[in-house]
Amino acid sequence: MSDAETADANGITARYYETAEERVLEFEGERATAAIAQNREGYAMLKVRPTADGDELERYYGFDMALDHAAELLGVSPNDLPVPEAAADMGM
């Protein structure tokens, strides 16, 4: 796993990292967690999960739609989610 890049805002911590198979963006709020994952090559649909290793809830082409779903899981506005710079290009 590569070194993680983090960002904090509005009571939410975002952590971006890469595994051998995926690019992962995890969010942790006060009451819940959410994760967005994409294949390592960065061309597949984004998978939204309740945790990084949890079951897939939905797939999206666009990063904005995946962020909307992650925000819903966290109970916040999508505008409240911090996104580390390395994760800004996720999505198709």
Protein backbone atom coordinates (compact mmCIF):
# COMPACT_ATOMS: atom_id res chain seq x y z
CA MET A 1 0.00 0.00 0.00
CA SER A 2 1.26 3.45 -0.82
CA ASP A 3 1.50 6.27 1.69
CA ALA A 4 -1.86 7.77 2.50
CA GLU A 5 -2.81 11.35 1.77
CA THR A 6 -5.32 12.89 4.17
CA ALA A 7 -7.58 15.93 4.35
CA ASP A 8 -9.79 17.16 7.19
CA ALA A 9 -12.79 19.51 7.08
CA ASN A 10 -16.19 19.91 8.71
CA GLY A 11 -15.58 17.09 11.21
CA ILE A 12 -14.73 14.59 8.45
CA THR A 13 -11.38 12.98 7.76
CA ALA A 14 -10.65 11.75 4.24
CA ARG A 15 -7.82 9.30 3.58
CA TYR A 16 -6.68 8.39 0.06
CA TYR A 17 -4.38 5.46 -0.61
CA GLU A 18 -3.66 2.82 -3.23
CA THR A 19 -3.52 -0.94 -2.81
CA ALA A 20 -2.27 -3.49 -5.32
CA GLU A 21 -5.77 -3.58 -6.87
CA GLU A 22 -7.53 -0.30 -6.06
CA ARG A 23 -7.44 3.41 -5.45
CA VAL A 24 -9.38 4.03 -2.21
CA LEU A 25 -10.86 7.18 -0.71
CA GLU A 26 -12.15 6.61 2.83
CA PHE A 27 -14.24 9.07 4.80
CA GLU A 28 -14.71 9.00 8.56
CA GLY A 29 -17.28 11.21 10.27
CA GLU A 30 -18.55 11.37 13.81
CA ARG A 31 -21.34 8.83 13.24
CA ALA A 32 -20.44 6.87 10.12
CA THR A 33 -17.87 5.92 7.50
CA ALA A 34 -17.94 5.63 3.72
CA ALA A 35 -15.48 4.64 1.02
CA ILE A 36 -15.10 5.12 -2.70
CA ALA A 37 -12.91 2.68 -4.63
CA GLN A 38 -11.75 2.44 -8.23
CA ASN A 39 -9.47 0.02 -10.02
CA ARG A 40 -5.79 0.87 -9.88
CA GLU A 41 -5.69 1.91 -13.55
CA GLY A 42 -8.37 4.54 -12.87
CA TYR A 43 -10.71 3.76 -15.76
CA ALA A 44 -13.46 1.67 -14.14
CA MET A 45 -16.63 2.73 -12.39
CA LEU A 46 -16.40 3.96 -8.81
CA LYS A 47 -17.69 1.63 -6.10
CA VAL A 48 -19.30 3.12 -2.99
CA ARG A 49 -19.04 1.04 0.19
CA PRO A 50 -19.83 1.66 3.86
CA THR A 51 -16.16 0.89 4.64
CA ALA A 52 -13.08 0.31 2.48
CA ASP A 53 -13.44 -3.47 2.77
CA GLY A 54 -17.24 -3.52 3.01
CA ASP A 55 -19.74 -4.78 0.47
CA GLU A 56 -20.34 -2.63 -2.57
CA LEU A 57 -23.53 -0.56 -2.33
CA GLU A 58 -23.56 1.09 -5.75
CA ARG A 59 -21.39 1.92 -8.78
CA TYR A 60 -21.06 5.29 -10.48
CA TYR A 61 -19.26 6.65 -13.54
CA GLY A 62 -18.88 10.13 -12.09
CA PHE A 63 -16.96 11.18 -9.01
CA ASP A 64 -19.65 13.73 -8.10
CA MET A 65 -22.33 11.03 -7.91
CA ALA A 66 -20.08 8.80 -5.79
CA LEU A 67 -19.37 11.73 -3.47
CA ASP A 68 -23.12 12.41 -3.17
CA HIS A 69 -23.70 8.80 -2.07
CA ALA A 70 -20.76 8.88 0.37
CA ALA A 71 -22.09 12.12 1.87
CA GLU A 72 -25.52 10.52 2.27
CA LEU A 73 -23.95 7.62 4.19
CA LEU A 74 -22.18 10.12 6.43
CA GLY A 75 -25.28 12.29 6.89
CA VAL A 76 -23.62 15.44 5.53
CA SER A 77 -23.68 17.62 2.43
CA PRO A 78 -21.37 16.58 -0.42
CA ASN A 79 -19.83 20.06 -0.12
CA ASP A 80 -18.66 19.12 3.39
CA LEU A 81 -16.46 16.26 2.16
CA PRO A 82 -12.74 17.01 2.02
CA VAL A 83 -11.01 15.42 -0.98
CA PRO A 84 -7.22 14.93 -0.90
CA GLU A 85 -5.54 16.22 -4.06
CA ALA A 86 -4.44 12.73 -5.15
CA ALA A 87 -8.09 11.60 -5.27
CA ALA A 88 -9.43 14.56 -7.25
CA ASP A 89 -9.15 12.72 -10.59
CA MET A 90 -11.19 9.67 -9.62
CA GLY A 91 -14.08 8.75 -11.91
CA MET A 92 -14.40 8.29 -15.63
